[in-house]
Amino acid sequence: MITDVLFSPLTLPNGAVLPNRLCKAAMEENLSIEGQLPGKELFTLYRRWAEGGVGLQISGNVMIVPDAMTGPAGVVLQDDSHLGLFEIWAQAGKAAGAHFWMQINHPGRQVYAAMGEQAVGPSDIAVNIPGFDKLLAKPRALTNSEIESLILRFTRTAQLAEQAGFTGVQIHAAHGYLISQFLSPLVNNRTDQWGGSLENRARFLLETLRAVKAAVSPDFCLSVKLNSADFQKGGFELDDAKWVAMELEKIGLDLLEMSGGNYESPAMTGTTAHTSTAKREAYFIEFARQVSSVVSTPIMVTGGILSPEVARNALTEDDQGFGVKVLGLGRGLAFNPDLPNLWKVGQSSSVDLPKINWSSKTLASLALMSVSKTQLKRLASGKPPKIGVSPLLATLSDQLKTRLQTRRYRKWRES
């Protein structure tokens, strides 16, 4: 009997075993309860995905500090958090035998102005999205002591995640968030040990991984999400990603997820600043194969995997034996949480995502995220996904909900 590559186990460098090659990739849920904590909706959502048959789940952004959020209803894990709620969340995500890793993050300069917080970054360079210049807060440059403090924050959040029962963490170093900002020569213009050369720009990420690795158990899995490219001229590029991947492997890494883009060039949502990058899925898989040629760390790719045929093709190694080992399913699982189980029994089930052909790529990206969030909300409420959600209505509803969540967040911060 021929083993289906999608459902063959994978032994990670630290000895942990993923039961199959399909991962529920990180998606921003914005479903926290008051106090920026996980609650019933997140428990229900992750239990539902666990029952759908994935071998690994990676949570949406969990923030390391309360004053730097990617969204007003995100989750924060710090010393004074209610750890018991995180324990319930961890159990829900592992309900059917899957691994459950917590994605830990700091948004840096990508903080919405309405949140009322001071954005920070490696430098004081603001995000430039034409027509949306006031959407995000203007950042100030971090001091050396603040950078060192944030490395400790990443480390403490990882320790707490392990205490709560998560089986690993993923450090988010992609999509234009803080660590990605340090890596980018377009955003990081520092002249100290944290800027300039690639070695210096990568220091924040490498020191963070070293600190986390030293603070957790050997069997606790460590992952990094890294851009294969920023898709911006003069930005972080593939050769940079290869070098960083080799340095991460020296420290010790169990899974490297390759992605791309940021708020200015949102490749991770299917659009980039360059019209020539028409088929994002092919880009990420090809980039990942190139990175796998220089490291032995298992590589994961997320984006555009909506059918078993595409999934199996993505796991096919090239002529030299280089390839992807784990596939991240994102929006596909928002629209059909049972895809892995269906594929396992031979059903060629696929997902047709709504096509939003708005002239503004930024608005189209926002609308697709809003439609996806609608599906997440339904799953979190114990309901099935709904076909035919209006992108416009979903966007308007999401904006209204975000305003209410922002008020709640600001009230919490004030108290």
Protein backbone atom coordinates (compact mmCIF):
# COMPACT_ATOMS: atom_id res chain seq x y z
CA MET A 1 0.00 0.00 0.00
CA ILE A 2 1.34 3.41 -1.00
CA THR A 3 1.40 5.89 1.89
CA ASP A 4 -0.26 9.22 1.14
CA VAL A 5 2.47 11.83 1.61
CA LEU A 6 -0.06 14.21 3.17
CA PHE A 7 -0.69 11.80 6.03
CA SER A 8 2.76 10.42 6.66
CA PRO A 9 4.26 11.37 10.05
CA LEU A 10 7.19 13.78 10.30
CA THR A 11 9.85 13.54 12.98
CA LEU A 12 11.19 16.99 13.87
CA PRO A 13 14.83 17.71 14.84
CA ASN A 14 14.00 17.64 18.57
CA GLY A 15 12.36 14.20 18.24
CA ALA A 16 8.73 15.38 18.34
CA VAL A 17 6.49 13.71 15.76
CA LEU A 18 3.79 15.46 13.74
CA PRO A 19 1.08 12.89 12.89
CA ASN A 20 0.68 14.29 9.37
CA ARG A 21 1.95 17.07 7.10
CA LEU A 22 -1.10 19.37 7.29
CA CYS A 23 -1.03 22.36 9.61
CA LYS A 24 -3.72 24.83 10.60
CA ALA A 25 -1.64 27.91 9.88
CA ALA A 26 -1.84 31.09 11.91
CA MET A 27 -4.79 33.36 11.12
CA GLU A 28 -5.64 36.41 13.15
CA GLU A 29 -8.89 35.55 14.92
CA ASN A 30 -9.55 38.74 16.97
CA LEU A 31 -11.79 36.70 19.29
CA SER A 32 -10.37 37.46 22.72
CA ILE A 33 -12.58 38.06 25.74
CA GLU A 34 -12.19 41.06 28.04
CA GLY A 35 -8.64 41.35 29.31
CA GLN A 36 -7.20 40.16 25.95
CA LEU A 37 -7.61 36.52 27.02
CA PRO A 38 -8.73 33.37 25.20
CA GLY A 39 -12.34 32.39 25.90
CA LYS A 40 -15.11 30.06 24.80
CA GLU A 41 -15.04 31.12 21.14
CA LEU A 42 -11.34 30.35 20.75
CA PHE A 43 -11.76 27.06 22.61
CA THR A 44 -14.61 26.03 20.28
CA LEU A 45 -12.77 27.16 17.15
CA TYR A 46 -9.55 25.26 17.85
CA ARG A 47 -11.34 22.13 19.02
CA ARG A 48 -13.26 22.21 15.73
CA TRP A 49 -10.04 22.41 13.72
CA ALA A 50 -8.46 19.66 15.83
CA GLU A 51 -11.40 17.40 15.01
CA GLY A 52 -10.92 18.22 11.32
CA GLY A 53 -7.73 16.16 11.16
CA VAL A 54 -4.72 18.51 11.04
CA GLY A 55 -1.46 17.27 12.53
CA LEU A 56 -0.38 20.67 13.80
CA GLN A 57 -2.16 23.86 14.79
CA ILE A 58 -0.46 27.24 15.08
CA SER A 59 -2.44 29.91 16.90
CA GLY A 60 -3.05 33.38 15.58
CA ASN A 61 -0.86 36.16 16.96
CA VAL A 62 -0.39 36.06 20.72
CA MET A 63 1.23 39.31 21.77
CA ILE A 64 4.14 39.55 24.17
CA VAL A 65 3.20 42.98 25.57
CA PRO A 66 -0.22 44.63 26.10
CA ASP A 67 0.64 47.95 24.45
CA ALA A 68 1.56 46.49 21.06
CA MET A 69 -1.34 44.67 19.42
CA THR A 70 -2.02 43.73 15.81
CA GLY A 71 -5.75 44.09 16.52
CA PRO A 72 -7.96 45.25 19.39
CA ALA A 73 -9.32 41.78 20.18
CA GLY A 74 -6.04 39.95 20.07
CA VAL A 75 -4.64 37.81 22.87
CA VAL A 76 -1.79 38.79 25.21
CA LEU A 77 0.20 36.34 27.34
CA GLN A 78 2.27 37.80 30.17
CA ASP A 79 2.92 37.08 33.84
CA ASP A 80 -0.37 38.50 35.10
CA SER A 81 -2.51 36.72 32.47
CA HIS A 82 -5.07 34.12 33.59
CA LEU A 83 -2.95 31.07 32.70
CA GLY A 84 -5.83 28.67 33.38
CA LEU A 85 -7.64 29.97 30.30
CA PHE A 86 -4.57 29.30 28.17
CA GLU A 87 -4.49 25.76 29.57
CA ILE A 88 -8.06 25.19 28.39
CA TRP A 89 -7.15 26.61 24.97
CA ALA A 90 -4.12 24.32 24.70
CA GLN A 91 -6.22 21.26 25.54
CA ALA A 92 -8.83 22.23 22.94
CA GLY A 93 -6.21 22.59 20.23
CA LYS A 94 -4.69 19.17 21.03
CA ALA A 95 -8.07 17.43 21.30
CA ALA A 96 -7.50 14.92 18.50
CA GLY A 97 -3.79 14.31 18.98
CA ALA A 98 -2.40 17.24 17.02
CA HIS A 99 0.44 19.45 18.17
CA PHE A 100 -0.61 22.97 19.15
CA TRP A 101 1.99 25.74 18.94
CA MET A 102 1.51 29.35 20.02
CA GLN A 103 2.58 32.03 17.58
CA ILE A 104 4.22 34.85 19.56
CA ASN A 105 4.64 38.30 18.09
CA HIS A 106 5.19 42.03 18.42
CA PRO A 107 3.79 44.26 15.64
CA GLY A 108 6.39 47.01 15.88
CA ARG A 109 5.32 49.90 13.65
CA GLN A 110 2.27 48.01 12.32
CA VAL A 111 -0.05 49.24 15.09
CA TYR A 112 -3.34 50.95 14.30
CA ALA A 113 -3.46 54.60 15.37
CA ALA A 114 -6.96 54.11 16.83
CA MET A 115 -5.48 51.83 19.49
CA GLY A 116 -4.01 54.90 21.18
CA GLU A 117 -0.56 53.39 21.75
CA GLN A 118 2.92 54.56 20.81
CA ALA A 119 4.20 52.42 17.95
CA VAL A 120 7.85 51.42 17.98
CA GLY A 121 10.28 49.98 15.50
CA PRO A 122 13.96 49.64 14.72
CA SER A 123 13.74 53.17 13.30
CA ASP A 124 11.12 55.93 13.14
CA ILE A 125 10.09 55.08 9.56
CA ALA A 126 6.30 54.91 9.24
CA VAL A 127 4.33 52.42 7.14
CA ASN A 128 3.54 53.87 3.71
CA ILE A 129 0.22 52.68 2.31
CA PRO A 130 -1.03 55.20 -0.30
CA GLY A 131 -4.36 56.64 0.79
CA PHE A 132 -4.08 55.17 4.30
CA ASP A 133 -1.28 57.26 5.76
CA LYS A 134 -3.18 57.97 9.00
CA LEU A 135 -4.35 54.39 9.59
CA LEU A 136 -1.22 53.31 11.45
CA ALA A 137 0.57 55.04 14.31
CA LYS A 138 3.85 56.84 13.64
CA PRO A 139 6.66 54.86 15.28
CA ARG A 140 9.66 55.91 17.30
CA ALA A 141 12.95 54.03 17.34
CA LEU A 142 13.55 51.54 20.13
CA THR A 143 16.45 52.05 22.52
CA ASN A 144 19.02 49.33 23.13
CA SER A 145 17.59 48.56 26.56
CA GLU A 146 14.07 48.31 25.11
CA ILE A 147 15.27 45.82 22.48
CA GLU A 148 16.87 43.68 25.16
CA SER A 149 13.69 43.92 27.24
CA LEU A 150 11.58 42.72 24.30
CA ILE A 151 13.84 39.68 23.84
CA LEU A 152 13.09 38.84 27.48
CA ARG A 153 9.37 39.34 26.79
CA PHE A 154 9.44 36.89 23.90
CA THR A 155 11.25 34.44 26.16
CA ARG A 156 8.81 34.79 29.04
CA THR A 157 5.77 34.34 26.79
CA ALA A 158 7.32 31.14 25.39
CA GLN A 159 7.89 29.84 28.93
CA LEU A 160 4.28 30.57 29.87
CA ALA A 161 3.04 28.87 26.69
CA GLU A 162 4.91 25.71 27.69
CA GLN A 163 3.50 25.91 31.22
CA ALA A 164 0.00 26.17 29.77
CA GLY A 165 0.41 22.96 27.77
CA PHE A 166 1.22 24.19 24.28
CA THR A 167 3.71 21.89 22.56
CA GLY A 168 5.73 24.65 20.90
CA VAL A 169 5.94 28.27 19.86
CA GLN A 170 6.42 30.01 16.56
CA ILE A 171 8.33 33.29 16.61
CA HIS A 172 6.78 35.60 14.00
CA ALA A 173 9.58 37.18 11.96
CA ALA A 174 7.59 37.83 8.77
CA HIS A 175 4.84 40.04 7.31
CA GLY A 176 6.43 43.32 8.32
CA TYR A 177 6.03 42.86 12.08
CA LEU A 178 8.77 43.95 14.48
CA ILE A 179 11.39 41.25 13.86
CA SER A 180 10.74 41.48 10.12
CA GLN A 181 11.24 45.26 10.39
CA PHE A 182 14.67 44.71 11.90
CA LEU A 183 15.54 42.39 9.01
CA SER A 184 14.45 44.91 6.35
CA PRO A 185 17.06 47.41 5.07
CA LEU A 186 14.14 49.64 4.02
CA VAL A 187 12.81 49.95 7.58
CA ASN A 188 15.92 49.46 9.70
CA ASN A 189 18.36 52.35 9.28
CA ARG A 190 20.10 51.90 12.62
CA THR A 191 23.87 52.31 12.79
CA ASP A 192 24.44 50.32 15.99
CA GLN A 193 24.72 46.55 16.53
CA TRP A 194 21.05 46.10 15.56
CA GLY A 195 21.31 47.64 12.07
CA GLY A 196 23.40 47.99 8.95
CA SER A 197 24.77 44.62 7.84
CA LEU A 198 22.48 41.60 7.50
CA GLU A 199 24.29 40.06 10.46
CA ASN A 200 23.34 43.04 12.60
CA ARG A 201 19.78 43.26 11.25
CA ALA A 202 19.26 39.58 12.05
CA ARG A 203 20.66 39.93 15.57
CA PHE A 204 17.26 40.58 17.19
CA LEU A 205 15.77 37.39 15.73
CA LEU A 206 18.81 35.22 16.45
CA GLU A 207 19.19 36.48 20.02
CA THR A 208 15.47 35.91 20.61
CA LEU A 209 15.66 32.31 19.40
CA ARG A 210 18.74 31.67 21.53
CA ALA A 211 17.03 33.07 24.62
CA VAL A 212 13.82 31.11 24.04
CA LYS A 213 15.70 27.87 23.37
CA ALA A 214 17.64 28.24 26.61
CA ALA A 215 14.45 28.84 28.61
CA VAL A 216 12.22 25.95 27.48
CA SER A 217 12.42 22.15 27.59
CA PRO A 218 14.34 20.25 24.85
CA ASP A 219 11.11 18.57 23.69
CA PHE A 220 9.28 21.91 23.36
CA CYS A 221 9.13 22.69 19.62
CA LEU A 222 10.60 25.90 18.21
CA SER A 223 9.53 27.43 14.92
CA VAL A 224 10.15 30.71 13.10
CA LYS A 225 7.99 32.32 10.44
CA LEU A 226 10.30 34.10 8.01
CA ASN A 227 9.75 36.08 4.83
CA SER A 228 11.24 34.54 1.71
CA ALA A 229 11.09 38.12 0.42
CA ASP A 230 9.37 41.39 1.27
CA PHE A 231 8.37 41.88 -2.40
CA GLN A 232 9.70 45.44 -2.22
CA LYS A 233 12.63 46.78 -4.24
CA GLY A 234 15.64 47.03 -1.97
CA GLY A 235 13.98 45.05 0.81
CA PHE A 236 14.66 41.68 2.42
CA GLU A 237 15.36 39.16 -0.38
CA LEU A 238 15.77 35.43 -0.96
CA ASP A 239 19.54 35.40 -0.49
CA ASP A 240 19.01 37.16 2.86
CA ALA A 241 16.44 34.55 3.83
CA LYS A 242 18.86 31.73 2.98
CA TRP A 243 21.56 33.21 5.22
CA VAL A 244 19.14 33.77 8.09
CA ALA A 245 17.79 30.21 7.71
CA MET A 246 21.31 28.81 8.04
CA GLU A 247 21.97 30.87 11.16
CA LEU A 248 18.66 29.74 12.70
CA GLU A 249 19.57 26.12 12.03
CA LYS A 250 22.87 26.55 13.90
CA ILE A 251 20.96 27.63 17.00
CA GLY A 252 18.41 24.83 16.69
CA LEU A 253 15.03 25.02 14.99
CA ASP A 254 12.33 22.39 14.51
CA LEU A 255 10.32 23.98 11.68
CA LEU A 256 10.86 27.03 9.47
CA GLU A 257 7.78 28.50 7.83
CA MET A 258 8.46 30.53 4.69
CA SER A 259 6.10 33.34 3.76
CA GLY A 260 6.38 36.84 2.29
CA GLY A 261 5.12 40.40 2.17
CA ASN A 262 3.99 43.03 4.66
CA TYR A 263 1.29 45.68 5.06
CA GLU A 264 2.79 47.73 2.22
CA SER A 265 3.06 44.75 -0.14
CA PRO A 266 0.63 42.09 1.13
CA ALA A 267 1.95 39.00 -0.65
CA MET A 268 0.65 36.81 2.20
CA THR A 269 -2.92 37.63 1.12
CA GLY A 270 -2.35 36.99 -2.58
CA THR A 271 -1.30 40.48 -3.68
CA THR A 272 2.04 42.25 -3.95
CA ALA A 273 3.36 45.62 -4.96
CA HIS A 274 4.60 44.04 -8.21
CA THR A 275 2.09 43.02 -10.87
CA SER A 276 4.58 40.44 -12.19
CA THR A 277 4.13 38.29 -9.09
CA ALA A 278 0.88 36.91 -10.41
CA LYS A 279 0.84 33.48 -8.84
CA ARG A 280 1.91 33.78 -5.22
CA GLU A 281 1.56 30.10 -4.41
CA ALA A 282 4.19 29.10 -6.96
CA TYR A 283 6.50 31.79 -5.64
CA PHE A 284 6.39 30.65 -2.04
CA ILE A 285 6.86 26.98 -2.85
CA GLU A 286 9.76 27.68 -5.18
CA PHE A 287 11.38 29.99 -2.63
CA ALA A 288 10.93 27.34 0.05
CA ARG A 289 12.60 24.71 -2.10
CA GLN A 290 15.55 27.02 -2.61
CA VAL A 291 15.84 27.64 1.12
CA SER A 292 15.61 23.88 1.77
CA SER A 293 18.69 23.45 -0.41
CA VAL A 294 20.86 25.19 2.21
CA VAL A 295 19.37 23.83 5.46
CA SER A 296 18.14 20.50 6.80
CA THR A 297 15.48 22.18 8.94
CA PRO A 298 12.00 21.05 7.81
CA ILE A 299 10.32 23.79 5.76
CA MET A 300 6.64 24.74 5.87
CA VAL A 301 4.74 26.82 3.33
CA THR A 302 1.33 28.44 3.75
CA GLY A 303 -0.87 30.01 1.12
CA GLY A 304 -3.10 28.91 -1.70
CA ILE A 305 -3.40 25.25 -0.66
CA LEU A 306 -7.08 24.55 -1.32
CA SER A 307 -7.18 21.07 -2.87
CA PRO A 308 -5.44 17.72 -2.21
CA GLU A 309 -3.95 17.72 -5.71
CA VAL A 310 -2.21 21.06 -5.13
CA ALA A 311 -1.18 19.92 -1.65
CA ARG A 312 0.47 16.72 -2.85
CA ASN A 313 2.22 18.58 -5.66
CA ALA A 314 3.55 21.11 -3.16
CA LEU A 315 5.13 18.32 -1.12
CA THR A 316 6.83 16.85 -4.19
CA GLU A 317 10.59 17.26 -3.96
CA ASP A 318 12.53 18.71 -6.87
CA ASP A 319 15.13 16.76 -8.90
CA GLN A 320 17.76 17.36 -6.24
CA GLY A 321 15.57 16.16 -3.39
CA PHE A 322 14.80 19.57 -1.94
CA GLY A 323 11.29 20.44 -0.94
CA VAL A 324 8.59 21.38 1.51
CA LYS A 325 7.79 19.06 4.44
CA VAL A 326 4.68 20.70 5.98
CA LEU A 327 1.78 22.56 4.39
CA GLY A 328 -0.07 25.33 6.15
CA LEU A 329 -3.80 25.57 5.48
CA GLY A 330 -5.28 28.96 6.30
CA ARG A 331 -8.44 30.27 4.71
CA GLY A 332 -9.21 26.83 3.31
CA LEU A 333 -9.88 25.65 6.87
CA ALA A 334 -11.92 28.75 7.61
CA PHE A 335 -14.28 27.80 4.80
CA ASN A 336 -14.10 24.01 5.38
CA PRO A 337 -12.56 22.82 8.67
CA ASP A 338 -12.89 19.15 7.63
CA LEU A 339 -10.53 19.28 4.64
CA PRO A 340 -7.83 17.00 6.14
CA ASN A 341 -10.30 14.27 7.12
CA LEU A 342 -11.99 14.50 3.72
CA TRP A 343 -8.68 14.25 1.88
CA LYS A 344 -7.63 11.31 4.03
CA VAL A 345 -10.61 9.22 2.90
CA GLY A 346 -9.98 10.08 -0.73
CA GLN A 347 -12.46 12.88 -1.29
CA SER A 348 -11.10 15.50 -3.67
CA SER A 349 -12.73 18.29 -1.73
CA SER A 350 -11.49 21.78 -2.54
CA VAL A 351 -12.41 25.30 -1.53
CA ASP A 352 -13.32 28.15 -3.84
CA LEU A 353 -12.42 31.38 -2.10
CA PRO A 354 -14.46 34.45 -3.02
CA LYS A 355 -12.85 36.47 -5.81
CA ILE A 356 -12.74 40.15 -4.88
CA ASN A 357 -11.69 42.14 -7.92
CA TRP A 358 -11.69 45.61 -6.40
CA SER A 359 -9.36 48.17 -7.99
CA SER A 360 -7.55 48.80 -4.70
CA LYS A 361 -5.42 45.79 -3.77
CA THR A 362 -5.28 47.03 -0.20
CA LEU A 363 -9.08 47.19 0.09
CA ALA A 364 -9.48 43.85 -1.71
CA SER A 365 -7.06 42.28 0.75
CA LEU A 366 -9.00 43.82 3.64
CA ALA A 367 -12.29 42.51 2.25
CA LEU A 368 -10.98 38.95 1.88
CA MET A 369 -9.75 39.04 5.47
CA SER A 370 -13.18 40.29 6.59
CA VAL A 371 -14.99 37.47 4.77
CA SER A 372 -12.60 34.97 6.35
CA LYS A 373 -13.17 36.46 9.80
CA THR A 374 -16.91 36.01 9.26
CA GLN A 375 -16.31 32.29 8.75
CA LEU A 376 -14.05 32.10 11.82
CA LYS A 377 -16.74 33.76 13.91
CA ARG A 378 -19.31 31.22 12.71
CA LEU A 379 -17.04 28.26 13.50
CA ALA A 380 -16.25 29.77 16.90
CA SER A 381 -19.98 29.96 17.60
CA GLY A 382 -20.47 26.29 16.71
CA LYS A 383 -22.01 27.09 13.31
CA PRO A 384 -20.99 25.81 9.87
CA PRO A 385 -19.28 28.12 7.34
CA LYS A 386 -21.58 30.16 5.12
CA ILE A 387 -21.21 30.37 1.37
CA GLY A 388 -21.86 33.64 -0.44
CA VAL A 389 -20.93 36.16 2.23
CA SER A 390 -20.95 39.68 0.79
CA PRO A 391 -17.40 41.13 0.84
CA LEU A 392 -18.77 44.66 1.24
CA LEU A 393 -21.11 43.79 4.10
CA ALA A 394 -18.44 41.66 5.77
CA THR A 395 -15.98 44.55 5.56
CA LEU A 396 -18.44 47.08 6.96
CA SER A 397 -19.44 44.70 9.75
CA ASP A 398 -15.81 43.99 10.56
CA GLN A 399 -15.00 47.70 10.72
CA LEU A 400 -17.89 48.32 13.13
CA LYS A 401 -16.88 45.38 15.31
CA THR A 402 -13.28 46.62 15.31
CA ARG A 403 -14.41 50.03 16.58
CA LEU A 404 -16.29 48.44 19.46
CA GLN A 405 -13.35 46.15 20.24
CA THR A 406 -11.01 49.14 20.15
CA ARG A 407 -13.12 50.93 22.76
CA ARG A 408 -13.00 47.85 24.96
CA TYR A 409 -9.25 47.57 24.54
CA ARG A 410 -8.63 51.23 25.38
CA LYS A 411 -10.84 51.00 28.42
CA TRP A 412 -8.90 47.93 29.57
CA ARG A 413 -5.59 49.72 29.06
CA GLU A 414 -6.81 52.78 30.99
CA SER A 415 -7.86 50.58 33.91
